Amino acid sequence: MPSLNEVQKQTIAQRLRDGVSIRAIATELHISKNTVLLAKEKINEHSKIIRRVGSSRPKKTTADENIQLANFIREYSFETVVNARQQNQFPCVTENSPEKSPQN
């Protein structure tokens, strides 16, 4: 479901309680009927619209790696991180990437 601000969530809940149709609510708020329908389903489940914890895309990097990435991009603005990792210029390792074996 697209992000709805608190005013939109409250408006949807109130209009549904007032018996307004999904189509009319969608037109009034300039959102799709499907978004209103999904919001209605969430309201029916929880009596309010809430976002499930962990329902976003899994993170590929840690906060420290994000800082390292930002610093790397500032210094090497035309280099891709993929190329930098392949050339061992960028040492960060995530749990999703293969561990590097120590060099002897």
PDB file of N, CA and C in Angstrom:
ATOM      1  N   MET A   1       0.858  -1.172   0.000  1.00  0.00           N
ATOM      2  CA  MET A   1       0.000   0.000   0.000  1.00  0.00           C
ATOM      3  C   MET A   1       0.897   1.225   0.000  1.00  0.00           C
ATOM      4  N   PRO A   2       0.623   2.200  -0.879  1.00  0.00           N
ATOM      5  CA  PRO A   2       1.413   3.427  -0.865  1.00  0.00           C
ATOM      6  C   PRO A   2       1.323   4.111   0.494  1.00  0.00           C
ATOM      7  N   SER A   3       2.337   4.904   0.794  1.00  0.00           N
ATOM      8  CA  SER A   3       2.346   5.583   2.086  1.00  0.00           C
ATOM      9  C   SER A   3       1.199   6.575   2.178  1.00  0.00           C
ATOM     10  N   LEU A   4       0.426   6.446   3.219  1.00  0.00           N
ATOM     11  CA  LEU A   4      -0.644   7.393   3.502  1.00  0.00           C
ATOM     12  C   LEU A   4      -0.230   8.198   4.717  1.00  0.00           C
ATOM     13  N   ASN A   5      -0.450   9.507   4.658  1.00  0.00           N
ATOM     14  CA  ASN A   5      -0.144  10.297   5.845  1.00  0.00           C
ATOM     15  C   ASN A   5      -1.269  10.113   6.864  1.00  0.00           C
ATOM     16  N   GLU A   6      -1.037  10.609   8.071  1.00  0.00           N
ATOM     17  CA  GLU A   6      -2.008  10.391   9.152  1.00  0.00           C
ATOM     18  C   GLU A   6      -3.376  10.994   8.841  1.00  0.00           C
ATOM     19  N   VAL A   7      -3.382  12.146   8.193  1.00  0.00           N
ATOM     20  CA  VAL A   7      -4.655  12.790   7.848  1.00  0.00           C
ATOM     21  C   VAL A   7      -5.440  11.909   6.881  1.00  0.00           C
ATOM     22  N   GLN A   8      -4.752  11.359   5.875  1.00  0.00           N
ATOM     23  CA  GLN A   8      -5.428  10.483   4.921  1.00  0.00           C
ATOM     24  C   GLN A   8      -5.971   9.231   5.611  1.00  0.00           C
ATOM     25  N   LYS A   9      -5.164   8.646   6.510  1.00  0.00           N
ATOM     26  CA  LYS A   9      -5.612   7.449   7.231  1.00  0.00           C
ATOM     27  C   LYS A   9      -6.864   7.750   8.053  1.00  0.00           C
ATOM     28  N   GLN A  10      -6.850   8.868   8.763  1.00  0.00           N
ATOM     29  CA  GLN A  10      -7.997   9.240   9.584  1.00  0.00           C
ATOM     30  C   GLN A  10      -9.218   9.546   8.728  1.00  0.00           C
ATOM     31  N   THR A  11      -8.984  10.208   7.596  1.00  0.00           N
ATOM     32  CA  THR A  11     -10.092  10.538   6.689  1.00  0.00           C
ATOM     33  C   THR A  11     -10.725   9.275   6.138  1.00  0.00           C
ATOM     34  N   ILE A  12      -9.891   8.312   5.712  1.00  0.00           N
ATOM     35  CA  ILE A  12     -10.416   7.045   5.186  1.00  0.00           C
ATOM     36  C   ILE A  12     -11.245   6.345   6.254  1.00  0.00           C
ATOM     37  N   ALA A  13     -10.701   6.251   7.459  1.00  0.00           N
ATOM     38  CA  ALA A  13     -11.425   5.571   8.548  1.00  0.00           C
ATOM     39  C   ALA A  13     -12.752   6.254   8.829  1.00  0.00           C
ATOM     40  N   GLN A  14     -12.753   7.582   8.887  1.00  0.00           N
ATOM     41  CA  GLN A  14     -13.984   8.323   9.184  1.00  0.00           C
ATOM     42  C   GLN A  14     -15.004   8.173   8.062  1.00  0.00           C
ATOM     43  N   ARG A  15     -14.549   8.292   6.809  1.00  0.00           N
ATOM     44  CA  ARG A  15     -15.481   8.184   5.673  1.00  0.00           C
ATOM     45  C   ARG A  15     -16.079   6.776   5.592  1.00  0.00           C
ATOM     46  N   LEU A  16     -15.267   5.767   5.901  1.00  0.00           N
ATOM     47  CA  LEU A  16     -15.798   4.400   5.900  1.00  0.00           C
ATOM     48  C   LEU A  16     -16.852   4.235   6.984  1.00  0.00           C
ATOM     49  N   ARG A  17     -16.591   4.804   8.166  1.00  0.00           N
ATOM     50  CA  ARG A  17     -17.595   4.749   9.252  1.00  0.00           C
ATOM     51  C   ARG A  17     -18.878   5.470   8.856  1.00  0.00           C
ATOM     52  N   ASP A  18     -18.732   6.558   8.058  1.00  0.00           N
ATOM     53  CA  ASP A  18     -19.896   7.323   7.613  1.00  0.00           C
ATOM     54  C   ASP A  18     -20.646   6.644   6.467  1.00  0.00           C
ATOM     55  N   GLY A  19     -20.069   5.535   5.945  1.00  0.00           N
ATOM     56  CA  GLY A  19     -20.745   4.797   4.879  1.00  0.00           C
ATOM     57  C   GLY A  19     -20.458   5.300   3.486  1.00  0.00           C
ATOM     58  N   VAL A  20     -19.419   6.110   3.327  1.00  0.00           N
ATOM     59  CA  VAL A  20     -19.047   6.627   2.005  1.00  0.00           C
ATOM     60  C   VAL A  20     -18.403   5.495   1.207  1.00  0.00           C
ATOM     61  N   SER A  21     -18.661   5.472  -0.096  1.00  0.00           N
ATOM     62  CA  SER A  21     -18.140   4.397  -0.941  1.00  0.00           C
ATOM     63  C   SER A  21     -16.630   4.520  -1.120  1.00  0.00           C
ATOM     64  N   ILE A  22     -16.012   3.390  -1.432  1.00  0.00           N
ATOM     65  CA  ILE A  22     -14.561   3.355  -1.666  1.00  0.00           C
ATOM     66  C   ILE A  22     -14.206   4.265  -2.833  1.00  0.00           C
ATOM     67  N   ARG A  23     -15.013   4.233  -3.891  1.00  0.00           N
ATOM     68  CA  ARG A  23     -14.750   5.070  -5.067  1.00  0.00           C
ATOM     69  C   ARG A  23     -14.788   6.558  -4.695  1.00  0.00           C
ATOM     70  N   ALA A  24     -15.767   6.950  -3.890  1.00  0.00           N
ATOM     71  CA  ALA A  24     -15.888   8.358  -3.496  1.00  0.00           C
ATOM     72  C   ALA A  24     -14.707   8.792  -2.621  1.00  0.00           C
ATOM     73  N   ILE A  25     -14.278   7.912  -1.725  1.00  0.00           N
ATOM     74  CA  ILE A  25     -13.125   8.233  -0.874  1.00  0.00           C
ATOM     75  C   ILE A  25     -11.880   8.383  -1.730  1.00  0.00           C
ATOM     76  N   ALA A  26     -11.667   7.462  -2.659  1.00  0.00           N
ATOM     77  CA  ALA A  26     -10.492   7.518  -3.538  1.00  0.00           C
ATOM     78  C   ALA A  26     -10.487   8.801  -4.357  1.00  0.00           C
ATOM     79  N   THR A  27     -11.633   9.183  -4.881  1.00  0.00           N
ATOM     80  CA  THR A  27     -11.735  10.417  -5.672  1.00  0.00           C
ATOM     81  C   THR A  27     -11.450  11.630  -4.807  1.00  0.00           C
ATOM     82  N   GLU A  28     -12.006  11.651  -3.609  1.00  0.00           N
ATOM     83  CA  GLU A  28     -11.815  12.783  -2.701  1.00  0.00           C
ATOM     84  C   GLU A  28     -10.348  12.967  -2.319  1.00  0.00           C
ATOM     85  N   LEU A  29      -9.640  11.862  -2.068  1.00  0.00           N
ATOM     86  CA  LEU A  29      -8.249  11.933  -1.600  1.00  0.00           C
ATOM     87  C   LEU A  29      -7.222  11.834  -2.732  1.00  0.00           C
ATOM     88  N   HIS A  30      -7.711  11.671  -3.961  1.00  0.00           N
ATOM     89  CA  HIS A  30      -6.832  11.557  -5.139  1.00  0.00           C
ATOM     90  C   HIS A  30      -5.867  10.385  -4.992  1.00  0.00           C
ATOM     91  N   ILE A  31      -6.402   9.247  -4.569  1.00  0.00           N
ATOM     92  CA  ILE A  31      -5.629   8.012  -4.468  1.00  0.00           C
ATOM     93  C   ILE A  31      -6.417   6.915  -5.166  1.00  0.00           C
ATOM     94  N   SER A  32      -5.794   5.764  -5.375  1.00  0.00           N
ATOM     95  CA  SER A  32      -6.483   4.688  -6.088  1.00  0.00           C
ATOM     96  C   SER A  32      -7.510   3.993  -5.193  1.00  0.00           C
ATOM     97  N   LYS A  33      -8.480   3.377  -5.849  1.00  0.00           N
ATOM     98  CA  LYS A  33      -9.494   2.615  -5.116  1.00  0.00           C
ATOM     99  C   LYS A  33      -8.835   1.452  -4.380  1.00  0.00           C
ATOM    100  N   ASN A  34      -7.808   0.872  -5.000  1.00  0.00           N
ATOM    101  CA  ASN A  34      -7.108  -0.246  -4.385  1.00  0.00           C
ATOM    102  C   ASN A  34      -6.440   0.186  -3.064  1.00  0.00           C
ATOM    103  N   THR A  35      -5.883   1.389  -3.025  1.00  0.00           N
ATOM    104  CA  THR A  35      -5.269   1.897  -1.796  1.00  0.00           C
ATOM    105  C   THR A  35      -6.307   2.036  -0.696  1.00  0.00           C
ATOM    106  N   VAL A  36      -7.469   2.541  -1.046  1.00  0.00           N
ATOM    107  CA  VAL A  36      -8.550   2.671  -0.062  1.00  0.00           C
ATOM    108  C   VAL A  36      -8.998   1.290   0.403  1.00  0.00           C
ATOM    109  N   LEU A  37      -9.117   0.357  -0.527  1.00  0.00           N
ATOM    110  CA  LEU A  37      -9.532  -0.998  -0.180  1.00  0.00           C
ATOM    111  C   LEU A  37      -8.526  -1.659   0.758  1.00  0.00           C
ATOM    112  N   LEU A  38      -7.229  -1.500   0.467  1.00  0.00           N
ATOM    113  CA  LEU A  38      -6.204  -2.063   1.349  1.00  0.00           C
ATOM    114  C   LEU A  38      -6.243  -1.411   2.727  1.00  0.00           C
ATOM    115  N   ALA A  39      -6.466  -0.107   2.763  1.00  0.00           N
ATOM    116  CA  ALA A  39      -6.586   0.590   4.045  1.00  0.00           C
ATOM    117  C   ALA A  39      -7.796   0.070   4.814  1.00  0.00           C
ATOM    118  N   LYS A  40      -8.885  -0.169   4.108  1.00  0.00           N
ATOM    119  CA  LYS A  40     -10.098  -0.695   4.745  1.00  0.00           C
ATOM    120  C   LYS A  40      -9.829  -2.065   5.360  1.00  0.00           C
ATOM    121  N   GLU A  41      -9.097  -2.918   4.632  1.00  0.00           N
ATOM    122  CA  GLU A  41      -8.756  -4.240   5.152  1.00  0.00           C
ATOM    123  C   GLU A  41      -7.909  -4.127   6.415  1.00  0.00           C
ATOM    124  N   LYS A  42      -6.946  -3.195   6.420  1.00  0.00           N
ATOM    125  CA  LYS A  42      -6.108  -2.991   7.608  1.00  0.00           C
ATOM    126  C   LYS A  42      -6.947  -2.486   8.776  1.00  0.00           C
ATOM    127  N   ILE A  43      -7.886  -1.604   8.484  1.00  0.00           N
ATOM    128  CA  ILE A  43      -8.759  -1.084   9.537  1.00  0.00           C
ATOM    129  C   ILE A  43      -9.587  -2.225  10.118  1.00  0.00           C
ATOM    130  N   ASN A  44     -10.106  -3.089   9.259  1.00  0.00           N
ATOM    131  CA  ASN A  44     -10.910  -4.221   9.730  1.00  0.00           C
ATOM    132  C   ASN A  44     -10.084  -5.181  10.579  1.00  0.00           C
ATOM    133  N   GLU A  45      -8.790  -5.353  10.242  1.00  0.00           N
ATOM    134  CA  GLU A  45      -7.923  -6.248  10.999  1.00  0.00           C
ATOM    135  C   GLU A  45      -7.560  -5.680  12.362  1.00  0.00           C
ATOM    136  N   HIS A  46      -7.236  -4.392  12.401  1.00  0.00           N
ATOM    137  CA  HIS A  46      -6.631  -3.805  13.596  1.00  0.00           C
ATOM    138  C   HIS A  46      -7.422  -2.647  14.182  1.00  0.00           C
ATOM    139  N   SER A  47      -8.520  -2.302  13.599  1.00  0.00           N
ATOM    140  CA  SER A  47      -9.332  -1.140  13.948  1.00  0.00           C
ATOM    141  C   SER A  47      -8.604   0.178  13.732  1.00  0.00           C
ATOM    142  N   LYS A  48      -7.403   0.133  13.200  1.00  0.00           N
ATOM    143  CA  LYS A  48      -6.678   1.329  12.751  1.00  0.00           C
ATOM    144  C   LYS A  48      -5.633   0.879  11.747  1.00  0.00           C
ATOM    145  N   ILE A  49      -5.121   1.802  10.968  1.00  0.00           N
ATOM    146  CA  ILE A  49      -4.145   1.464   9.948  1.00  0.00           C
ATOM    147  C   ILE A  49      -2.759   1.493  10.579  1.00  0.00           C
ATOM    148  N   ILE A  50      -2.088   0.346  10.561  1.00  0.00           N
ATOM    149  CA  ILE A  50      -0.722   0.287  11.075  1.00  0.00           C
ATOM    150  C   ILE A  50       0.165  -0.421  10.062  1.00  0.00           C
ATOM    151  N   ARG A  51       1.430  -0.161  10.123  1.00  0.00           N
ATOM    152  CA  ARG A  51       2.408  -0.801   9.252  1.00  0.00           C
ATOM    153  C   ARG A  51       3.044  -1.939  10.029  1.00  0.00           C
ATOM    154  N   ARG A  52       3.108  -3.098   9.413  1.00  0.00           N
ATOM    155  CA  ARG A  52       3.747  -4.237  10.071  1.00  0.00           C
ATOM    156  C   ARG A  52       5.234  -3.985  10.232  1.00  0.00           C
ATOM    157  N   VAL A  53       5.788  -4.393  11.353  1.00  0.00           N
ATOM    158  CA  VAL A  53       7.214  -4.279  11.576  1.00  0.00           C
ATOM    159  C   VAL A  53       7.915  -5.234  10.629  1.00  0.00           C
ATOM    160  N   GLY A  54       8.946  -4.737   9.967  1.00  0.00           N
ATOM    161  CA  GLY A  54       9.702  -5.586   9.057  1.00  0.00           C
ATOM    162  C   GLY A  54       9.053  -5.798   7.713  1.00  0.00           C
ATOM    163  N   SER A  55       8.075  -4.987   7.359  1.00  0.00           N
ATOM    164  CA  SER A  55       7.393  -5.196   6.085  1.00  0.00           C
ATOM    165  C   SER A  55       8.075  -4.478   4.927  1.00  0.00           C
ATOM    166  N   SER A  56       9.210  -3.841   5.196  1.00  0.00           N
ATOM    167  CA  SER A  56       9.934  -3.183   4.115  1.00  0.00           C
ATOM    168  C   SER A  56      10.988  -4.136   3.539  1.00  0.00           C
ATOM    169  N   ARG A  57      11.659  -3.696   2.528  1.00  0.00           N
ATOM    170  CA  ARG A  57      12.690  -4.492   1.891  1.00  0.00           C
ATOM    171  C   ARG A  57      13.843  -4.722   2.871  1.00  0.00           C
ATOM    172  N   PRO A  58      14.412  -5.928   2.914  1.00  0.00           N
ATOM    173  CA  PRO A  58      15.523  -6.181   3.827  1.00  0.00           C
ATOM    174  C   PRO A  58      16.734  -5.322   3.480  1.00  0.00           C
ATOM    175  N   LYS A  59      17.439  -4.896   4.475  1.00  0.00           N
ATOM    176  CA  LYS A  59      18.611  -4.060   4.276  1.00  0.00           C
ATOM    177  C   LYS A  59      19.776  -4.920   3.810  1.00  0.00           C
ATOM    178  N   LYS A  60      20.574  -4.387   2.887  1.00  0.00           N
ATOM    179  CA  LYS A  60      21.737  -5.091   2.364  1.00  0.00           C
ATOM    180  C   LYS A  60      23.018  -4.661   3.061  1.00  0.00           C
ATOM    181  N   THR A  61      22.992  -3.481   3.688  1.00  0.00           N
ATOM    182  CA  THR A  61      24.195  -2.971   4.343  1.00  0.00           C
ATOM    183  C   THR A  61      23.866  -2.516   5.759  1.00  0.00           C
ATOM    184  N   THR A  62      24.907  -2.456   6.583  1.00  0.00           N
ATOM    185  CA  THR A  62      24.743  -1.951   7.936  1.00  0.00           C
ATOM    186  C   THR A  62      24.888  -0.434   7.929  1.00  0.00           C
ATOM    187  N   ALA A  63      24.626   0.209   9.060  1.00  0.00           N
ATOM    188  CA  ALA A  63      24.771   1.663   9.162  1.00  0.00           C
ATOM    189  C   ALA A  63      26.226   2.067   8.929  1.00  0.00           C
ATOM    190  N   ASP A  64      27.169   1.298   9.486  1.00  0.00           N
ATOM    191  CA  ASP A  64      28.593   1.606   9.278  1.00  0.00           C
ATOM    192  C   ASP A  64      28.974   1.488   7.803  1.00  0.00           C
ATOM    193  N   GLU A  65      28.462   0.453   7.146  1.00  0.00           N
ATOM    194  CA  GLU A  65      28.749   0.285   5.720  1.00  0.00           C
ATOM    195  C   GLU A  65      28.148   1.422   4.901  1.00  0.00           C
ATOM    196  N   ASN A  66      26.975   1.902   5.293  1.00  0.00           N
ATOM    197  CA  ASN A  66      26.369   3.030   4.588  1.00  0.00           C
ATOM    198  C   ASN A  66      27.263   4.262   4.677  1.00  0.00           C
ATOM    199  N   ILE A  67      27.848   4.492   5.842  1.00  0.00           N
ATOM    200  CA  ILE A  67      28.766   5.625   6.010  1.00  0.00           C
ATOM    201  C   ILE A  67      30.001   5.431   5.137  1.00  0.00           C
ATOM    202  N   GLN A  68      30.546   4.204   5.139  1.00  0.00           N
ATOM    203  CA  GLN A  68      31.706   3.910   4.295  1.00  0.00           C
ATOM    204  C   GLN A  68      31.370   4.106   2.816  1.00  0.00           C
ATOM    205  N   LEU A  69      30.182   3.654   2.421  1.00  0.00           N
ATOM    206  CA  LEU A  69      29.755   3.832   1.028  1.00  0.00           C
ATOM    207  C   LEU A  69      29.674   5.313   0.658  1.00  0.00           C
ATOM    208  N   ALA A  70      29.062   6.110   1.531  1.00  0.00           N
ATOM    209  CA  ALA A  70      28.923   7.541   1.260  1.00  0.00           C
ATOM    210  C   ALA A  70      30.290   8.203   1.139  1.00  0.00           C
ATOM    211  N   ASN A  71      31.209   7.869   2.033  1.00  0.00           N
ATOM    212  CA  ASN A  71      32.564   8.437   1.969  1.00  0.00           C
ATOM    213  C   ASN A  71      33.288   8.001   0.707  1.00  0.00           C
ATOM    214  N   PHE A  72      33.127   6.735   0.334  1.00  0.00           N
ATOM    215  CA  PHE A  72      33.756   6.232  -0.876  1.00  0.00           C
ATOM    216  C   PHE A  72      33.235   6.968  -2.107  1.00  0.00           C
ATOM    217  N   ILE A  73      31.924   7.154  -2.166  1.00  0.00           N
ATOM    218  CA  ILE A  73      31.324   7.821  -3.326  1.00  0.00           C
ATOM    219  C   ILE A  73      31.765   9.277  -3.409  1.00  0.00           C
ATOM    220  N   ARG A  74      31.911   9.932  -2.255  1.00  0.00           N
ATOM    221  CA  ARG A  74      32.427  11.310  -2.275  1.00  0.00           C
ATOM    222  C   ARG A  74      33.834  11.373  -2.855  1.00  0.00           C
ATOM    223  N   GLU A  75      34.665  10.394  -2.476  1.00  0.00           N
ATOM    224  CA  GLU A  75      36.059  10.407  -2.932  1.00  0.00           C
ATOM    225  C   GLU A  75      36.204   9.924  -4.369  1.00  0.00           C
ATOM    226  N   TYR A  76      35.462   8.889  -4.731  1.00  0.00           N
ATOM    227  CA  TYR A  76      35.533   8.307  -6.072  1.00  0.00           C
ATOM    228  C   TYR A  76      34.162   8.409  -6.724  1.00  0.00           C
ATOM    229  N   SER A  77      33.774   9.592  -7.120  1.00  0.00           N
ATOM    230  CA  SER A  77      32.403   9.819  -7.571  1.00  0.00           C
ATOM    231  C   SER A  77      32.045   9.096  -8.868  1.00  0.00           C
ATOM    232  N   PHE A  78      33.023   8.725  -9.680  1.00  0.00           N
ATOM    233  CA  PHE A  78      32.715   8.062 -10.939  1.00  0.00           C
ATOM    234  C   PHE A  78      32.958   6.558 -10.900  1.00  0.00           C
ATOM    235  N   GLU A  79      33.283   6.031  -9.753  1.00  0.00           N
ATOM    236  CA  GLU A  79      33.526   4.601  -9.581  1.00  0.00           C
ATOM    237  C   GLU A  79      32.281   3.941  -9.013  1.00  0.00           C
ATOM    238  N   THR A  80      31.940   2.752  -9.477  1.00  0.00           N
ATOM    239  CA  THR A  80      30.808   2.042  -8.905  1.00  0.00           C
ATOM    240  C   THR A  80      31.297   1.210  -7.728  1.00  0.00           C
ATOM    241  N   VAL A  81      30.427   0.979  -6.784  1.00  0.00           N
ATOM    242  CA  VAL A  81      30.788   0.195  -5.602  1.00  0.00           C
ATOM    243  C   VAL A  81      31.091  -1.244  -6.008  1.00  0.00           C
ATOM    244  N   VAL A  82      30.367  -1.765  -6.992  1.00  0.00           N
ATOM    245  CA  VAL A  82      30.607  -3.132  -7.460  1.00  0.00           C
ATOM    246  C   VAL A  82      32.033  -3.246  -7.981  1.00  0.00           C
ATOM    247  N   ASN A  83      32.450  -2.293  -8.816  1.00  0.00           N
ATOM    248  CA  ASN A  83      33.817  -2.319  -9.333  1.00  0.00           C
ATOM    249  C   ASN A  83      34.834  -2.152  -8.217  1.00  0.00           C
ATOM    250  N   ALA A  84      34.539  -1.293  -7.263  1.00  0.00           N
ATOM    251  CA  ALA A  84      35.459  -1.065  -6.149  1.00  0.00           C
ATOM    252  C   ALA A  84      35.619  -2.341  -5.323  1.00  0.00           C
ATOM    253  N   ARG A  85      34.529  -3.041  -5.081  1.00  0.00           N
ATOM    254  CA  ARG A  85      34.626  -4.300  -4.323  1.00  0.00           C
ATOM    255  C   ARG A  85      35.422  -5.336  -5.099  1.00  0.00           C
ATOM    256  N   GLN A  86      35.222  -5.397  -6.403  1.00  0.00           N
ATOM    257  CA  GLN A  86      35.961  -6.367  -7.218  1.00  0.00           C
ATOM    258  C   GLN A  86      37.452  -6.070  -7.217  1.00  0.00           C
ATOM    259  N   GLN A  87      37.804  -4.802  -7.132  1.00  0.00           N
ATOM    260  CA  GLN A  87      39.210  -4.395  -7.131  1.00  0.00           C
ATOM    261  C   GLN A  87      39.773  -4.302  -5.711  1.00  0.00           C
ATOM    262  N   ASN A  88      38.995  -4.755  -4.708  1.00  0.00           N
ATOM    263  CA  ASN A  88      39.394  -4.734  -3.300  1.00  0.00           C
ATOM    264  C   ASN A  88      39.701  -3.333  -2.794  1.00  0.00           C
ATOM    265  N   GLN A  89      39.058  -2.322  -3.377  1.00  0.00           N
ATOM    266  CA  GLN A  89      39.220  -0.955  -2.889  1.00  0.00           C
ATOM    267  C   GLN A  89      38.225  -0.647  -1.777  1.00  0.00           C
ATOM    268  N   PHE A  90      37.237  -1.491  -1.632  1.00  0.00           N
ATOM    269  CA  PHE A  90      36.210  -1.232  -0.639  1.00  0.00           C
ATOM    270  C   PHE A  90      36.020  -2.490   0.193  1.00  0.00           C
ATOM    271  N   PRO A  91      36.536  -2.504   1.416  1.00  0.00           N
ATOM    272  CA  PRO A  91      36.623  -3.745   2.177  1.00  0.00           C
ATOM    273  C   PRO A  91      35.384  -4.172   2.943  1.00  0.00           C
ATOM    274  N   CYS A  92      34.305  -3.388   2.975  1.00  0.00           N
ATOM    275  CA  CYS A  92      33.186  -3.771   3.846  1.00  0.00           C
ATOM    276  C   CYS A  92      32.554  -5.076   3.379  1.00  0.00           C
ATOM    277  N   VAL A  93      32.136  -5.877   4.348  1.00  0.00           N
ATOM    278  CA  VAL A  93      31.524  -7.174   4.084  1.00  0.00           C
ATOM    279  C   VAL A  93      30.205  -7.219   4.838  1.00  0.00           C
ATOM    280  N   THR A  94      29.139  -7.636   4.161  1.00  0.00           N
ATOM    281  CA  THR A  94      27.851  -7.784   4.831  1.00  0.00           C
ATOM    282  C   THR A  94      27.550  -9.262   4.974  1.00  0.00           C
ATOM    283  N   GLU A  95      26.511  -9.558   5.744  1.00  0.00           N
ATOM    284  CA  GLU A  95      26.136 -10.960   5.906  1.00  0.00           C
ATOM    285  C   GLU A  95      25.597 -11.539   4.608  1.00  0.00           C
ATOM    286  N   ASN A  96      25.192 -10.679   3.659  1.00  0.00           N
ATOM    287  CA  ASN A  96      24.678 -11.151   2.376  1.00  0.00           C
ATOM    288  C   ASN A  96      25.780 -11.342   1.352  1.00  0.00           C
ATOM    289  N   SER A  97      26.960 -10.798   1.620  1.00  0.00           N
ATOM    290  CA  SER A  97      28.043 -10.934   0.674  1.00  0.00           C
ATOM    291  C   SER A  97      29.000 -12.015   1.169  1.00  0.00           C
ATOM    292  N   PRO A  98      29.740 -12.655   0.276  1.00  0.00           N
ATOM    293  CA  PRO A  98      30.642 -13.715   0.707  1.00  0.00           C
ATOM    294  C   PRO A  98      31.788 -13.161   1.550  1.00  0.00           C
ATOM    295  N   GLU A  99      32.181 -13.911   2.551  1.00  0.00           N
ATOM    296  CA  GLU A  99      33.289 -13.509   3.414  1.00  0.00           C
ATOM    297  C   GLU A  99      34.587 -13.552   2.601  1.00  0.00           C
ATOM    298  N   LYS A 100      35.444 -12.594   2.885  1.00  0.00           N
ATOM    299  CA  LYS A 100      36.757 -12.584   2.229  1.00  0.00           C
ATOM    300  C   LYS A 100      37.720 -13.409   3.063  1.00  0.00           C
ATOM    301  N   SER A 101      38.478 -14.228   2.405  1.00  0.00           N
ATOM    302  CA  SER A 101      39.445 -15.024   3.138  1.00  0.00           C
ATOM    303  C   SER A 101      40.697 -14.179   3.395  1.00  0.00           C
ATOM    304  N   PRO A 102      41.326 -14.345   4.558  1.00  0.00           N
ATOM    305  CA  PRO A 102      42.530 -13.562   4.849  1.00  0.00           C
ATOM    306  C   PRO A 102      43.647 -13.912   3.889  1.00  0.00           C
ATOM    307  N   GLN A 103      44.392 -12.900   3.486  1.00  0.00           N
ATOM    308  CA  GLN A 103      45.522 -13.069   2.573  1.00  0.00           C
ATOM    309  C   GLN A 103      46.727 -13.535   3.373  1.00  0.00           C
ATOM    310  N   ASN A 104      47.430 -14.545   2.879  1.00  0.00           N
ATOM    311  CA  ASN A 104      48.636 -15.038   3.571  1.00  0.00           C
ATOM    312  C   ASN A 104      49.868 -14.349   3.082  1.00  0.00           C
TER     313      ASN A 104
END
